[in-house]
Amino acid sequence: LCAGKLVRITAQSGLNVRSGPGTGYDVVKTLAYGGAYTIVDEQDGWGLLKAYADRRNGWVYLAYTVEVK
């Protein structure tokens, strides 16, 4: 688990949040383009959102984000 990094959503149509780190997991929410979120863990190109860290059920595909410095 990392301390956290801030990423901004770059997918024009929004980015799905999935219940696990992969496209086989259910979509639990969609984040709007341009939103900034904290990632607290990474696995195989997927990032765990801080808001879902306790239950580890909110992952986004990091290819559609850019890190905010």
Protein backbone atom coordinates (compact mmCIF):
# COMPACT_ATOMS: atom_id res chain seq x y z
CA LEU A 1 0.00 0.00 0.00
CA CYS A 2 1.47 3.34 -1.00
CA ALA A 3 0.86 6.65 0.76
CA GLY A 4 -1.20 7.81 -2.18
CA LYS A 5 -0.83 9.65 -5.44
CA LEU A 6 -3.22 12.05 -7.07
CA VAL A 7 -4.44 11.19 -10.57
CA ARG A 8 -6.74 13.03 -12.98
CA ILE A 9 -9.23 11.18 -15.21
CA THR A 10 -8.34 11.54 -18.92
CA ALA A 11 -11.06 9.31 -20.42
CA GLN A 12 -13.42 11.69 -22.26
CA SER A 13 -16.46 9.51 -21.65
CA GLY A 14 -15.60 8.99 -17.98
CA LEU A 15 -13.84 6.12 -16.24
CA ASN A 16 -15.51 3.07 -14.74
CA VAL A 17 -14.75 2.15 -11.15
CA ARG A 18 -14.75 -1.65 -10.79
CA SER A 19 -15.09 -3.86 -7.73
CA GLY A 20 -11.70 -5.47 -8.47
CA PRO A 21 -8.55 -4.87 -10.54
CA GLY A 22 -9.78 -6.10 -13.93
CA THR A 23 -12.51 -5.76 -16.55
CA GLY A 24 -14.15 -8.96 -15.30
CA TYR A 25 -15.32 -7.18 -12.16
CA ASP A 26 -18.61 -5.29 -11.82
CA VAL A 27 -18.78 -1.56 -12.52
CA VAL A 28 -19.72 0.17 -9.26
CA LYS A 29 -19.54 3.78 -10.44
CA THR A 30 -18.31 6.00 -13.29
CA LEU A 31 -16.00 8.96 -12.61
CA ALA A 32 -16.30 12.07 -14.76
CA TYR A 33 -13.57 13.31 -17.11
CA GLY A 34 -11.18 15.74 -15.40
CA GLY A 35 -11.87 14.61 -11.83
CA ALA A 36 -8.92 14.11 -9.48
CA TYR A 37 -8.69 11.13 -7.15
CA THR A 38 -6.18 9.56 -4.76
CA ILE A 39 -4.79 6.11 -5.58
CA VAL A 40 -3.52 4.14 -2.57
CA ASP A 41 -2.52 0.83 -4.16
CA GLU A 42 -1.69 -0.51 -7.62
CA GLN A 43 -2.05 -3.92 -9.18
CA ASP A 44 -1.42 -4.89 -12.81
CA GLY A 45 -2.09 -1.40 -14.18
CA TRP A 46 -5.12 -0.80 -11.97
CA GLY A 47 -5.31 1.68 -9.09
CA LEU A 48 -7.29 1.41 -5.86
CA LEU A 49 -9.19 4.58 -4.98
CA LYS A 50 -8.66 5.93 -1.47
CA ALA A 51 -12.41 6.14 -0.82
CA TYR A 52 -12.64 2.36 -1.35
CA ALA A 53 -9.43 1.39 0.45
CA ASP A 54 -11.06 -0.28 3.47
CA ARG A 55 -13.06 -2.80 1.46
CA ARG A 56 -10.68 -2.74 -1.57
CA ASN A 57 -13.64 -2.66 -3.96
CA GLY A 58 -13.03 0.45 -6.08
CA TRP A 59 -10.44 0.15 -8.87
CA VAL A 60 -9.75 2.25 -11.99
CA TYR A 61 -7.59 1.46 -15.02
CA LEU A 62 -4.60 3.79 -14.72
CA ALA A 63 -4.02 4.01 -18.51
CA TYR A 64 -6.93 6.49 -18.54
CA THR A 65 -5.44 8.74 -15.87
CA VAL A 66 -2.48 11.10 -15.56
CA GLU A 67 -0.60 11.70 -12.33
CA VAL A 68 -0.98 15.20 -10.88
CA LYS A 69 2.36 16.55 -9.67
